[in-house]
C-alpha atoms as a PDB file:
ATOM      1  CA  MET A   1     -52.137  21.999  12.460  1.00  0.00           C
ATOM      2  CA  LYS A   2     -49.771  19.683  10.851  1.00  0.00           C
ATOM      3  CA  CYS A   3     -47.758  20.607   7.814  1.00  0.00           C
ATOM      4  CA  GLU A   4     -47.707  17.605   5.585  1.00  0.00           C
ATOM      5  CA  THR A   5     -45.109  19.235   2.902  1.00  0.00           C
ATOM      6  CA  LEU A   6     -42.544  19.694   5.860  1.00  0.00           C
ATOM      7  CA  ASN A   7     -43.266  16.052   7.049  1.00  0.00           C
ATOM      8  CA  THR A   8     -42.666  14.705   3.451  1.00  0.00           C
ATOM      9  CA  ILE A   9     -39.671  16.588   3.013  1.00  0.00           C
ATOM     10  CA  LEU A  10     -37.938  15.793   6.426  1.00  0.00           C
ATOM     11  CA  THR A  11     -39.061  11.975   5.800  1.00  0.00           C
ATOM     12  CA  PHE A  12     -37.422  12.125   2.588  1.00  0.00           C
ATOM     13  CA  LEU A  13     -34.147  13.825   3.774  1.00  0.00           C
ATOM     14  CA  LEU A  14     -34.018  11.130   6.498  1.00  0.00           C
ATOM     15  CA  GLY A  15     -34.337   8.290   3.885  1.00  0.00           C
ATOM     16  CA  VAL A  16     -31.428  10.001   1.843  1.00  0.00           C
ATOM     17  CA  CYS A  17     -29.391  10.028   4.740  1.00  0.00           C
ATOM     18  CA  ALA A  18     -29.825   6.521   5.734  1.00  0.00           C
ATOM     19  CA  LEU A  19     -29.144   5.333   2.323  1.00  0.00           C
ATOM     20  CA  LEU A  20     -25.869   7.721   2.235  1.00  0.00           C
ATOM     21  CA  GLY A  21     -24.965   6.076   5.740  1.00  0.00           C
ATOM     22  CA  VAL A  22     -25.169   2.602   4.173  1.00  0.00           C
ATOM     23  CA  ILE A  23     -23.340   3.360   1.191  1.00  0.00           C
ATOM     24  CA  PHE A  24     -20.419   4.897   2.978  1.00  0.00           C
ATOM     25  CA  ALA A  25     -20.245   1.977   5.506  1.00  0.00           C
ATOM     26  CA  LEU A  26     -20.132  -0.369   2.664  1.00  0.00           C
ATOM     27  CA  ARG A  27     -17.420   1.670   0.859  1.00  0.00           C
ATOM     28  CA  THR A  28     -15.220   1.649   4.262  1.00  0.00           C
ATOM     29  CA  VAL A  29     -15.773  -2.120   4.477  1.00  0.00           C
ATOM     30  CA  PHE A  30     -14.431  -2.752   0.843  1.00  0.00           C
ATOM     31  CA  HIS A  31     -11.500  -0.012   1.174  1.00  0.00           C
ATOM     32  CA  THR A  32     -10.408  -1.669   4.611  1.00  0.00           C
ATOM     33  CA  ARG A  33     -10.328  -4.997   2.817  1.00  0.00           C
ATOM     34  CA  GLU A  34      -8.463  -3.831   0.163  1.00  0.00           C
ATOM     35  CA  LEU A  35      -6.011  -1.998   2.508  1.00  0.00           C
ATOM     36  CA  ARG A  36      -5.336  -5.137   4.361  1.00  0.00           C
ATOM     37  CA  THR A  37      -4.630  -7.135   1.133  1.00  0.00           C
ATOM     38  CA  LEU A  38      -2.286  -4.327   0.035  1.00  0.00           C
ATOM     39  CA  GLN A  39      -0.405  -4.175   3.180  1.00  0.00           C
ATOM     40  CA  ALA A  40       0.146  -7.934   3.011  1.00  0.00           C
ATOM     41  CA  GLN A  41       1.525  -7.654  -0.466  1.00  0.00           C
ATOM     42  CA  MET A  42       3.704  -4.676   0.607  1.00  0.00           C
ATOM     43  CA  LEU A  43       5.181  -6.774   3.420  1.00  0.00           C
ATOM     44  CA  ASN A  44       5.969  -9.649   0.996  1.00  0.00           C
ATOM     45  CA  CYS A  45       7.789  -7.030  -1.290  1.00  0.00           C
ATOM     46  CA  GLN A  46       9.649  -5.760   1.809  1.00  0.00           C
ATOM     47  CA  ILE A  47      10.781  -9.345   2.734  1.00  0.00           C
ATOM     48  CA  ASN A  48      11.875  -9.929  -0.762  1.00  0.00           C
ATOM     49  CA  VAL A  49      13.872  -6.507  -0.751  1.00  0.00           C
ATOM     50  CA  ASN A  50      15.481  -7.537   2.351  1.00  0.00           C
ATOM     51  CA  ARG A  51      16.511 -11.064   1.240  1.00  0.00           C
ATOM     52  CA  LEU A  52      18.017  -9.649  -1.966  1.00  0.00           C
ATOM     53  CA  ASN A  53      20.034  -7.151   0.074  1.00  0.00           C
ATOM     54  CA  LEU A  54      21.192  -9.766   2.128  1.00  0.00           C
ATOM     55  CA  THR A  55      22.067 -11.719  -0.814  1.00  0.00           C
ATOM     56  CA  LEU A  56      23.973  -8.827  -2.355  1.00  0.00           C
ATOM     57  CA  ASN A  57      25.926  -8.049   0.744  1.00  0.00           C
ATOM     58  CA  ALA A  58      26.922 -11.741   1.115  1.00  0.00           C
ATOM     59  CA  ALA A  59      28.153 -11.590  -2.532  1.00  0.00           C
ATOM     60  CA  ALA A  60      30.124  -8.156  -1.814  1.00  0.00           C
ATOM     61  CA  GLN A  61      31.877 -10.157   0.895  1.00  0.00           C
ATOM     62  CA  TYR A  62      32.493 -12.966  -1.013  1.00  0.00           C
ATOM     63  CA  GLY A  63      33.877 -10.535  -3.906  1.00  0.00           C
ATOM     64  CA  LYS A  64      36.417  -9.244  -1.623  1.00  0.00           C
ATOM     65  CA  THR A  65      38.404 -12.615  -1.435  1.00  0.00           C
ATOM     66  CA  HIS A  66      37.221 -13.644  -4.928  1.00  0.00           C
ATOM     67  CA  PRO A  67      37.848 -10.769  -7.287  1.00  0.00           C
ATOM     68  CA  ASP A  68      36.266 -12.826 -10.269  1.00  0.00           C
ATOM     69  CA  ILE A  69      32.584 -12.129  -9.124  1.00  0.00           C
ATOM     70  CA  ASP A  70      33.196  -8.341  -9.249  1.00  0.00           C
ATOM     71  CA  ARG A  71      32.157  -8.211 -12.891  1.00  0.00           C
ATOM     72  CA  ILE A  72      28.820 -10.071 -12.161  1.00  0.00           C
ATOM     73  CA  LEU A  73      28.079  -7.753  -9.074  1.00  0.00           C
ATOM     74  CA  GLN A  74      28.903  -4.404 -10.796  1.00  0.00           C
ATOM     75  CA  PRO A  75      25.473  -3.633 -12.212  1.00  0.00           C
ATOM     76  CA  PHE A  76      24.093  -4.073  -8.687  1.00  0.00           C
ATOM     77  CA  GLU A  77      26.390  -1.748  -6.702  1.00  0.00           C
ATOM     78  CA  ALA A  78      24.803   1.021  -5.137  1.00  0.00           C
ATOM     79  CA  LYS A  79      25.403   4.366  -7.028  1.00  0.00           C
ATOM     80  CA  PRO A  80      25.572   7.607  -4.805  1.00  0.00           C
ATOM     81  CA  ALA A  81      22.696  10.023  -5.466  1.00  0.00           C
ATOM     82  CA  ALA A  82      23.467  12.884  -7.888  1.00  0.00           C
ATOM     83  CA  ALA A  83      23.540  16.246  -6.409  1.00  0.00           C
ATOM     84  CA  ARG A  84      21.223  18.861  -7.788  1.00  0.00           C
END
């Protein structure tokens, strides 16, 4: 003898699981796209920081032979970390 109530409940649970699977798959796709975009932005930021460091290092080297630039470079000098 078939149990129609059990069949209905299991069919409903199968539909819910299928729907949740689709929702989670879509979320994964969207989050992966966002991650790729953020990684590209982070790479651009790292490139800009590297360029800035190269420029500051070149300016520091220039400052060794031309002390007039020291007052301009002073705000950008690396400060040692404070011990706690």
